[in-house]
Amino acid sequence: MNRSLFSQWSAALMCLTLPAMALAHGISDADRQRMLDGGYLQYVGLGASHMLTGYDHLLFLFGVVFFLTSFKDVVKFVTVFTVGHSITLVFATLMHITWNYYLIDAIIALSVMYKAFDNNGGFQKHFQMASPNLLWMVFGFGLLHGFGLSTRLQQLPLGDDLAGELGRILSFNVGVELGQIAALAVMVGLLALWRHRPSFKRFAYMANLALFYAGAYLLFVQLHGYQHDAHPNDFRFPAAEHRHAHEDMAVEDTRDTSRDGL
């Protein structure tokens, strides 16, 4: 494959992720107005929907529970993760601590890769060492995931008074937990059914390898987004044209899909 064709395929792959990236990072004007007009339940709903559409959070949780066989272990690790992301979600938002959300999500993508690597015995195979303490790692990654959630929440109107702001933050966090419980119920149930089938042992390694590559894909997507965000003039043609090229390719792909469906 020559360099030109490779560049075209790379651009096409990235453009397909732009709608997902917009949903993950952008808060629409309609959402902002809905938050202003609504009450705490609006924040609960938004928190739940954000978790249920947060592919990076869900992939990490999938990796965490993949080999957990008892309900007690699932509760223990999920609780540690919940405590971690609740701490940074609440305090980072209250103290208005933020960072570039593409870089945060890039590091969150690394957490997905880490868990998949650990699940496949990577530390033992490649470093001849035991895996780091999983409970502490899940807690640490929980802090990171909470910081990512906080960057989204800080794009919303949270009010000027401390009590109202705290109430909205906690409501959003409650929604996140409800969405997390719903997603985990499906994950754990499906894994429990699959675990009793012979195919689980045959394909567990491949499933986690796929999880690793999914994390790697998300990592490059977020780094690509950061490149757009932080260094728009570094591309080989102006940033506006670069953006329009992505949009045109996305439109063309939609047309092709529509024609295929006829």
C-alpha atoms as a PDB file:
ATOM      1  CA  MET A   1       0.000   0.000   0.000  1.00  0.00           C
ATOM      2  CA  ASN A   2       1.527   3.315  -1.040  1.00  0.00           C
ATOM      3  CA  ARG A   3       1.675   6.288   1.288  1.00  0.00           C
ATOM      4  CA  SER A   4      -1.121   8.191  -0.487  1.00  0.00           C
ATOM      5  CA  LEU A   5      -3.557   5.275  -0.260  1.00  0.00           C
ATOM      6  CA  PHE A   6      -2.589   4.702   3.384  1.00  0.00           C
ATOM      7  CA  SER A   7      -3.283   8.368   4.168  1.00  0.00           C
ATOM      8  CA  GLN A   8      -6.690   8.146   2.512  1.00  0.00           C
ATOM      9  CA  TRP A   9      -7.643   5.070   4.511  1.00  0.00           C
ATOM     10  CA  SER A  10      -6.378   6.662   7.731  1.00  0.00           C
ATOM     11  CA  ALA A  11      -8.405   9.798   7.084  1.00  0.00           C
ATOM     12  CA  ALA A  12     -11.487   7.740   6.287  1.00  0.00           C
ATOM     13  CA  LEU A  13     -11.085   5.762   9.508  1.00  0.00           C
ATOM     14  CA  MET A  14     -10.735   8.919  11.550  1.00  0.00           C
ATOM     15  CA  CYS A  15     -13.693  10.656   9.922  1.00  0.00           C
ATOM     16  CA  LEU A  16     -15.949   7.791  10.910  1.00  0.00           C
ATOM     17  CA  THR A  17     -15.143   8.530  14.541  1.00  0.00           C
ATOM     18  CA  LEU A  18     -15.940  12.245  14.387  1.00  0.00           C
ATOM     19  CA  PRO A  19     -19.649  11.866  15.259  1.00  0.00           C
ATOM     20  CA  ALA A  20     -18.744   9.738  18.282  1.00  0.00           C
ATOM     21  CA  MET A  21     -16.058  12.194  19.324  1.00  0.00           C
ATOM     22  CA  ALA A  22     -18.541  15.066  19.068  1.00  0.00           C
ATOM     23  CA  LEU A  23     -21.032  13.207  21.235  1.00  0.00           C
ATOM     24  CA  ALA A  24     -18.357  12.343  23.763  1.00  0.00           C
ATOM     25  CA  HIS A  25     -16.898  15.857  24.089  1.00  0.00           C
ATOM     26  CA  GLY A  26     -19.518  18.345  23.009  1.00  0.00           C
ATOM     27  CA  ILE A  27     -22.476  19.592  25.021  1.00  0.00           C
ATOM     28  CA  SER A  28     -25.103  20.909  22.623  1.00  0.00           C
ATOM     29  CA  ASP A  29     -26.923  24.204  23.110  1.00  0.00           C
ATOM     30  CA  ALA A  30     -30.138  22.193  23.498  1.00  0.00           C
ATOM     31  CA  ASP A  31     -28.586  20.215  26.361  1.00  0.00           C
ATOM     32  CA  ARG A  32     -27.398  23.407  28.027  1.00  0.00           C
ATOM     33  CA  GLN A  33     -30.845  24.974  27.835  1.00  0.00           C
ATOM     34  CA  ARG A  34     -32.466  21.757  29.053  1.00  0.00           C
ATOM     35  CA  MET A  35     -30.177  21.761  32.068  1.00  0.00           C
ATOM     36  CA  LEU A  36     -31.046  25.381  32.837  1.00  0.00           C
ATOM     37  CA  ASP A  37     -34.772  24.772  32.522  1.00  0.00           C
ATOM     38  CA  GLY A  38     -34.842  21.447  34.334  1.00  0.00           C
ATOM     39  CA  GLY A  39     -33.983  20.300  37.835  1.00  0.00           C
ATOM     40  CA  TYR A  40     -31.725  17.737  39.407  1.00  0.00           C
ATOM     41  CA  LEU A  41     -33.453  14.882  37.567  1.00  0.00           C
ATOM     42  CA  GLN A  42     -32.124  16.310  34.321  1.00  0.00           C
ATOM     43  CA  TYR A  43     -28.592  15.861  35.624  1.00  0.00           C
ATOM     44  CA  VAL A  44     -29.383  12.321  36.784  1.00  0.00           C
ATOM     45  CA  GLY A  45     -30.615  11.461  33.295  1.00  0.00           C
ATOM     46  CA  LEU A  46     -27.620  13.070  31.609  1.00  0.00           C
ATOM     47  CA  GLY A  47     -25.202  11.230  33.916  1.00  0.00           C
ATOM     48  CA  ALA A  48     -26.865   7.887  33.154  1.00  0.00           C
ATOM     49  CA  SER A  49     -26.887   8.483  29.397  1.00  0.00           C
ATOM     50  CA  HIS A  50     -23.265   9.643  29.474  1.00  0.00           C
ATOM     51  CA  MET A  51     -22.155   6.424  31.172  1.00  0.00           C
ATOM     52  CA  LEU A  52     -24.232   4.221  28.866  1.00  0.00           C
ATOM     53  CA  THR A  53     -22.679   5.883  25.812  1.00  0.00           C
ATOM     54  CA  GLY A  54     -19.193   6.176  27.353  1.00  0.00           C
ATOM     55  CA  TYR A  55     -17.475   3.451  25.340  1.00  0.00           C
ATOM     56  CA  ASP A  56     -14.110   3.953  27.061  1.00  0.00           C
ATOM     57  CA  HIS A  57     -15.585   3.629  30.587  1.00  0.00           C
ATOM     58  CA  LEU A  58     -17.602   0.565  29.579  1.00  0.00           C
ATOM     59  CA  LEU A  59     -14.653  -1.158  27.908  1.00  0.00           C
ATOM     60  CA  PHE A  60     -12.545  -0.682  31.025  1.00  0.00           C
ATOM     61  CA  LEU A  61     -15.306  -2.075  33.248  1.00  0.00           C
ATOM     62  CA  PHE A  62     -15.700  -5.011  30.873  1.00  0.00           C
ATOM     63  CA  GLY A  63     -12.008  -5.771  31.301  1.00  0.00           C
ATOM     64  CA  VAL A  64     -12.261  -5.480  35.089  1.00  0.00           C
ATOM     65  CA  VAL A  65     -15.159  -7.941  35.450  1.00  0.00           C
ATOM     66  CA  PHE A  66     -14.058 -10.304  32.653  1.00  0.00           C
ATOM     67  CA  PHE A  67     -12.502 -12.927  34.936  1.00  0.00           C
ATOM     68  CA  LEU A  68     -14.424 -12.169  38.143  1.00  0.00           C
ATOM     69  CA  THR A  69     -16.484 -15.231  39.006  1.00  0.00           C
ATOM     70  CA  SER A  70     -18.172 -14.252  42.270  1.00  0.00           C
ATOM     71  CA  PHE A  71     -20.734 -11.547  42.983  1.00  0.00           C
ATOM     72  CA  LYS A  72     -18.659 -10.501  46.000  1.00  0.00           C
ATOM     73  CA  ASP A  73     -15.610  -9.785  43.839  1.00  0.00           C
ATOM     74  CA  VAL A  74     -17.670  -7.859  41.304  1.00  0.00           C
ATOM     75  CA  VAL A  75     -19.126  -5.669  44.067  1.00  0.00           C
ATOM     76  CA  LYS A  76     -15.682  -5.134  45.620  1.00  0.00           C
ATOM     77  CA  PHE A  77     -13.937  -3.988  42.446  1.00  0.00           C
ATOM     78  CA  VAL A  78     -16.845  -1.947  41.123  1.00  0.00           C
ATOM     79  CA  THR A  79     -17.179  -0.224  44.510  1.00  0.00           C
ATOM     80  CA  VAL A  80     -13.490   0.703  44.480  1.00  0.00           C
ATOM     81  CA  PHE A  81     -13.827   2.044  40.939  1.00  0.00           C
ATOM     82  CA  THR A  82     -16.957   3.987  41.927  1.00  0.00           C
ATOM     83  CA  VAL A  83     -15.288   5.554  44.952  1.00  0.00           C
ATOM     84  CA  GLY A  84     -12.330   6.586  42.806  1.00  0.00           C
ATOM     85  CA  HIS A  85     -14.299   8.244  40.029  1.00  0.00           C
ATOM     86  CA  SER A  86     -16.730   9.866  42.482  1.00  0.00           C
ATOM     87  CA  ILE A  87     -13.856  11.566  44.325  1.00  0.00           C
ATOM     88  CA  THR A  88     -12.412  13.268  41.264  1.00  0.00           C
ATOM     89  CA  LEU A  89     -15.791  13.916  39.661  1.00  0.00           C
ATOM     90  CA  VAL A  90     -17.016  15.862  42.702  1.00  0.00           C
ATOM     91  CA  PHE A  91     -13.861  17.653  43.788  1.00  0.00           C
ATOM     92  CA  ALA A  92     -12.412  18.479  40.368  1.00  0.00           C
ATOM     93  CA  THR A  93     -15.760  19.954  39.328  1.00  0.00           C
ATOM     94  CA  LEU A  94     -16.214  21.929  42.534  1.00  0.00           C
ATOM     95  CA  MET A  95     -12.682  23.301  42.345  1.00  0.00           C
ATOM     96  CA  HIS A  96     -12.916  23.885  38.569  1.00  0.00           C
ATOM     97  CA  ILE A  97      -9.857  21.751  37.852  1.00  0.00           C
ATOM     98  CA  THR A  98      -9.814  20.652  34.232  1.00  0.00           C
ATOM     99  CA  TRP A  99      -7.505  19.681  31.391  1.00  0.00           C
ATOM    100  CA  ASN A 100      -7.713  19.022  27.674  1.00  0.00           C
ATOM    101  CA  TYR A 101     -10.415  16.384  27.395  1.00  0.00           C
ATOM    102  CA  TYR A 102      -8.781  14.674  24.411  1.00  0.00           C
ATOM    103  CA  LEU A 103      -5.648  14.007  26.463  1.00  0.00           C
ATOM    104  CA  ILE A 104      -7.692  12.762  29.421  1.00  0.00           C
ATOM    105  CA  ASP A 105      -9.573  10.368  27.174  1.00  0.00           C
ATOM    106  CA  ALA A 106      -6.304   9.259  25.594  1.00  0.00           C
ATOM    107  CA  ILE A 107      -5.048   8.234  29.037  1.00  0.00           C
ATOM    108  CA  ILE A 108      -8.397   6.550  29.758  1.00  0.00           C
ATOM    109  CA  ALA A 109      -7.886   4.583  26.532  1.00  0.00           C
ATOM    110  CA  LEU A 110      -4.536   3.480  27.948  1.00  0.00           C
ATOM    111  CA  SER A 111      -6.399   2.138  30.996  1.00  0.00           C
ATOM    112  CA  VAL A 112      -8.431  -0.084  28.644  1.00  0.00           C
ATOM    113  CA  MET A 113      -5.219  -1.351  27.045  1.00  0.00           C
ATOM    114  CA  TYR A 114      -3.665  -1.915  30.469  1.00  0.00           C
ATOM    115  CA  LYS A 115      -6.558  -4.075  31.687  1.00  0.00           C
ATOM    116  CA  ALA A 116      -6.605  -6.150  28.518  1.00  0.00           C
ATOM    117  CA  PHE A 117      -2.822  -6.620  28.752  1.00  0.00           C
ATOM    118  CA  ASP A 118      -3.165  -7.688  32.389  1.00  0.00           C
ATOM    119  CA  ASN A 119      -6.053 -10.058  31.629  1.00  0.00           C
ATOM    120  CA  ASN A 120      -3.901 -11.870  29.072  1.00  0.00           C
ATOM    121  CA  GLY A 121      -1.059 -12.337  31.548  1.00  0.00           C
ATOM    122  CA  GLY A 122       1.128  -9.704  29.949  1.00  0.00           C
ATOM    123  CA  PHE A 123       3.139  -8.913  33.061  1.00  0.00           C
ATOM    124  CA  GLN A 124       3.983 -12.580  33.594  1.00  0.00           C
ATOM    125  CA  LYS A 125       4.770 -13.279  29.927  1.00  0.00           C
ATOM    126  CA  HIS A 126       6.728 -10.163  29.024  1.00  0.00           C
ATOM    127  CA  PHE A 127       8.149  -8.873  32.325  1.00  0.00           C
ATOM    128  CA  GLN A 128       8.375 -12.090  34.382  1.00  0.00           C
ATOM    129  CA  MET A 129       6.629 -10.385  37.286  1.00  0.00           C
ATOM    130  CA  ALA A 130       3.327 -10.537  39.108  1.00  0.00           C
ATOM    131  CA  SER A 131       0.619  -8.106  38.088  1.00  0.00           C
ATOM    132  CA  PRO A 132       0.383  -4.916  40.182  1.00  0.00           C
ATOM    133  CA  ASN A 133      -2.271  -5.005  42.889  1.00  0.00           C
ATOM    134  CA  LEU A 134      -5.507  -4.954  40.929  1.00  0.00           C
ATOM    135  CA  LEU A 135      -7.594  -3.303  43.622  1.00  0.00           C
ATOM    136  CA  TRP A 136      -5.258  -0.293  43.807  1.00  0.00           C
ATOM    137  CA  MET A 137      -4.968  -0.100  40.031  1.00  0.00           C
ATOM    138  CA  VAL A 138      -8.755  -0.054  39.637  1.00  0.00           C
ATOM    139  CA  PHE A 139      -8.973   2.682  42.269  1.00  0.00           C
ATOM    140  CA  GLY A 140      -6.283   4.733  40.523  1.00  0.00           C
ATOM    141  CA  PHE A 141      -7.927   4.356  37.144  1.00  0.00           C
ATOM    142  CA  GLY A 142     -11.230   5.249  38.791  1.00  0.00           C
ATOM    143  CA  LEU A 143      -9.732   8.593  39.820  1.00  0.00           C
ATOM    144  CA  LEU A 144      -8.681   9.146  36.212  1.00  0.00           C
ATOM    145  CA  HIS A 145     -12.090   8.201  34.789  1.00  0.00           C
ATOM    146  CA  GLY A 146     -13.764  10.558  37.251  1.00  0.00           C
ATOM    147  CA  PHE A 147     -11.555  13.399  36.045  1.00  0.00           C
ATOM    148  CA  GLY A 148     -12.708  12.644  32.514  1.00  0.00           C
ATOM    149  CA  LEU A 149     -16.340  12.773  33.631  1.00  0.00           C
ATOM    150  CA  SER A 150     -15.671  16.069  35.386  1.00  0.00           C
ATOM    151  CA  THR A 151     -14.469  17.716  32.179  1.00  0.00           C
ATOM    152  CA  ARG A 152     -17.857  16.937  30.593  1.00  0.00           C
ATOM    153  CA  LEU A 153     -19.822  18.152  33.575  1.00  0.00           C
ATOM    154  CA  GLN A 154     -17.914  21.426  33.651  1.00  0.00           C
ATOM    155  CA  GLN A 155     -19.250  22.206  30.173  1.00  0.00           C
ATOM    156  CA  LEU A 156     -22.746  22.474  31.689  1.00  0.00           C
ATOM    157  CA  PRO A 157     -24.361  25.325  33.634  1.00  0.00           C
ATOM    158  CA  LEU A 158     -24.056  24.309  37.283  1.00  0.00           C
ATOM    159  CA  GLY A 159     -25.322  27.490  38.931  1.00  0.00           C
ATOM    160  CA  ASP A 160     -23.629  30.178  40.978  1.00  0.00           C
ATOM    161  CA  ASP A 161     -24.589  29.092  44.491  1.00  0.00           C
ATOM    162  CA  LEU A 162     -22.538  26.348  46.160  1.00  0.00           C
ATOM    163  CA  ALA A 163     -25.530  24.311  47.326  1.00  0.00           C
ATOM    164  CA  GLY A 164     -27.091  24.243  43.871  1.00  0.00           C
ATOM    165  CA  GLU A 165     -23.782  23.431  42.196  1.00  0.00           C
ATOM    166  CA  LEU A 166     -23.093  20.574  44.609  1.00  0.00           C
ATOM    167  CA  GLY A 167     -26.618  19.258  44.130  1.00  0.00           C
ATOM    168  CA  ARG A 168     -26.188  19.144  40.342  1.00  0.00           C
ATOM    169  CA  ILE A 169     -22.793  17.480  40.614  1.00  0.00           C
ATOM    170  CA  LEU A 170     -24.141  14.798  42.944  1.00  0.00           C
ATOM    171  CA  SER A 171     -27.201  14.298  40.745  1.00  0.00           C
ATOM    172  CA  PHE A 172     -24.968  13.766  37.715  1.00  0.00           C
ATOM    173  CA  ASN A 173     -22.884  11.318  39.742  1.00  0.00           C
ATOM    174  CA  VAL A 174     -26.007   9.397  40.799  1.00  0.00           C
ATOM    175  CA  GLY A 175     -26.959   9.133  37.145  1.00  0.00           C
ATOM    176  CA  VAL A 176     -23.487   7.852  36.292  1.00  0.00           C
ATOM    177  CA  GLU A 177     -23.832   5.143  38.955  1.00  0.00           C
ATOM    178  CA  LEU A 178     -27.286   4.128  37.702  1.00  0.00           C
ATOM    179  CA  GLY A 179     -25.980   3.866  34.153  1.00  0.00           C
ATOM    180  CA  GLN A 180     -22.978   1.915  35.388  1.00  0.00           C
ATOM    181  CA  ILE A 181     -25.182  -0.558  37.279  1.00  0.00           C
ATOM    182  CA  ALA A 182     -27.370  -1.092  34.208  1.00  0.00           C
ATOM    183  CA  ALA A 183     -24.346  -1.686  31.953  1.00  0.00           C
ATOM    184  CA  LEU A 184     -22.666  -3.988  34.465  1.00  0.00           C
ATOM    185  CA  ALA A 185     -25.814  -6.066  34.914  1.00  0.00           C
ATOM    186  CA  VAL A 186     -25.737  -6.855  31.196  1.00  0.00           C
ATOM    187  CA  MET A 187     -21.964  -7.448  31.107  1.00  0.00           C
ATOM    188  CA  VAL A 188     -21.841  -9.695  34.157  1.00  0.00           C
ATOM    189  CA  GLY A 189     -24.905 -11.644  33.053  1.00  0.00           C
ATOM    190  CA  LEU A 190     -23.542 -12.311  29.567  1.00  0.00           C
ATOM    191  CA  LEU A 191     -20.091 -13.207  30.901  1.00  0.00           C
ATOM    192  CA  ALA A 192     -21.636 -15.595  33.448  1.00  0.00           C
ATOM    193  CA  LEU A 193     -23.511 -17.390  30.664  1.00  0.00           C
ATOM    194  CA  TRP A 194     -20.481 -17.485  28.385  1.00  0.00           C
ATOM    195  CA  ARG A 195     -18.104 -18.608  31.143  1.00  0.00           C
ATOM    196  CA  HIS A 196     -19.865 -21.980  31.373  1.00  0.00           C
ATOM    197  CA  ARG A 197     -19.361 -22.726  27.697  1.00  0.00           C
ATOM    198  CA  PRO A 198     -16.245 -24.345  26.197  1.00  0.00           C
ATOM    199  CA  SER A 199     -15.780 -21.377  23.873  1.00  0.00           C
ATOM    200  CA  PHE A 200     -14.923 -19.102  26.818  1.00  0.00           C
ATOM    201  CA  LYS A 201     -11.558 -20.761  27.391  1.00  0.00           C
ATOM    202  CA  ARG A 202     -10.863 -20.870  23.660  1.00  0.00           C
ATOM    203  CA  PHE A 203     -11.698 -17.242  22.967  1.00  0.00           C
ATOM    204  CA  ALA A 204     -10.953 -15.434  26.253  1.00  0.00           C
ATOM    205  CA  TYR A 205      -7.468 -14.539  25.055  1.00  0.00           C
ATOM    206  CA  MET A 206      -8.766 -13.277  21.705  1.00  0.00           C
ATOM    207  CA  ALA A 207     -11.531 -11.292  23.397  1.00  0.00           C
ATOM    208  CA  ASN A 208      -9.004  -9.455  25.537  1.00  0.00           C
ATOM    209  CA  LEU A 209      -6.703  -8.987  22.566  1.00  0.00           C
ATOM    210  CA  ALA A 210      -9.620  -7.339  20.795  1.00  0.00           C
ATOM    211  CA  LEU A 211     -10.159  -5.227  23.912  1.00  0.00           C
ATOM    212  CA  PHE A 212      -6.508  -4.147  23.771  1.00  0.00           C
ATOM    213  CA  TYR A 213      -6.795  -3.091  20.126  1.00  0.00           C
ATOM    214  CA  ALA A 214     -10.050  -1.275  20.838  1.00  0.00           C
ATOM    215  CA  GLY A 215      -8.191   0.722  23.489  1.00  0.00           C
ATOM    216  CA  ALA A 216      -5.359   1.397  21.036  1.00  0.00           C
ATOM    217  CA  TYR A 217      -7.858   2.585  18.439  1.00  0.00           C
ATOM    218  CA  LEU A 218      -9.483   4.952  20.953  1.00  0.00           C
ATOM    219  CA  LEU A 219      -6.034   6.209  21.944  1.00  0.00           C
ATOM    220  CA  PHE A 220      -5.175   7.207  18.369  1.00  0.00           C
ATOM    221  CA  VAL A 221      -8.616   8.733  17.858  1.00  0.00           C
ATOM    222  CA  GLN A 222      -8.177  10.962  20.920  1.00  0.00           C
ATOM    223  CA  LEU A 223      -4.631  11.927  19.956  1.00  0.00           C
ATOM    224  CA  HIS A 224      -5.904  12.810  16.501  1.00  0.00           C
ATOM    225  CA  GLY A 225      -8.599  14.954  18.111  1.00  0.00           C
ATOM    226  CA  TYR A 226      -5.995  16.641  20.291  1.00  0.00           C
ATOM    227  CA  GLN A 227      -3.879  17.389  17.220  1.00  0.00           C
ATOM    228  CA  HIS A 228      -6.876  19.123  15.657  1.00  0.00           C
ATOM    229  CA  ASP A 229      -7.625  20.977  18.881  1.00  0.00           C
ATOM    230  CA  ALA A 230      -4.146  22.104  19.882  1.00  0.00           C
ATOM    231  CA  HIS A 231      -2.176  22.326  16.635  1.00  0.00           C
ATOM    232  CA  PRO A 232      -4.622  23.042  13.783  1.00  0.00           C
ATOM    233  CA  ASN A 233      -1.932  24.673  11.631  1.00  0.00           C
ATOM    234  CA  ASP A 234       0.346  21.627  11.649  1.00  0.00           C
ATOM    235  CA  PHE A 235      -1.634  19.846   8.923  1.00  0.00           C
ATOM    236  CA  ARG A 236      -0.495  19.858   5.329  1.00  0.00           C
ATOM    237  CA  PHE A 237      -3.425  22.107   4.375  1.00  0.00           C
ATOM    238  CA  PRO A 238      -5.391  24.705   6.374  1.00  0.00           C
ATOM    239  CA  ALA A 239      -7.389  23.513   9.369  1.00  0.00           C
ATOM    240  CA  ALA A 240     -10.735  24.596   7.887  1.00  0.00           C
ATOM    241  CA  GLU A 241     -10.084  22.584   4.728  1.00  0.00           C
ATOM    242  CA  HIS A 242      -8.916  19.639   6.815  1.00  0.00           C
ATOM    243  CA  ARG A 243     -12.154  19.746   8.797  1.00  0.00           C
ATOM    244  CA  HIS A 244     -14.255  20.050   5.639  1.00  0.00           C
ATOM    245  CA  ALA A 245     -12.417  17.103   4.124  1.00  0.00           C
ATOM    246  CA  HIS A 246     -13.466  14.981   7.083  1.00  0.00           C
ATOM    247  CA  GLU A 247     -17.045  16.214   6.784  1.00  0.00           C
ATOM    248  CA  ASP A 248     -17.192  15.552   3.045  1.00  0.00           C
ATOM    249  CA  MET A 249     -15.856  12.027   3.525  1.00  0.00           C
ATOM    250  CA  ALA A 250     -18.398  11.370   6.274  1.00  0.00           C
ATOM    251  CA  VAL A 251     -21.235  12.593   4.024  1.00  0.00           C
ATOM    252  CA  GLU A 252     -20.018  10.427   1.153  1.00  0.00           C
ATOM    253  CA  ASP A 253     -19.823   7.408   3.461  1.00  0.00           C
ATOM    254  CA  THR A 254     -23.418   8.070   4.601  1.00  0.00           C
ATOM    255  CA  ARG A 255     -24.564   8.205   0.973  1.00  0.00           C
ATOM    256  CA  ASP A 256     -22.809   4.922   0.189  1.00  0.00           C
ATOM    257  CA  THR A 257     -24.456   3.306   3.214  1.00  0.00           C
ATOM    258  CA  SER A 258     -27.857   4.598   2.116  1.00  0.00           C
ATOM    259  CA  ARG A 259     -27.386   3.231  -1.392  1.00  0.00           C
ATOM    260  CA  ASP A 260     -26.341  -0.153   0.026  1.00  0.00           C
ATOM    261  CA  GLY A 261     -29.520  -0.261   2.081  1.00  0.00           C
ATOM    262  CA  LEU A 262     -31.781   0.253  -0.959  1.00  0.00           C
END
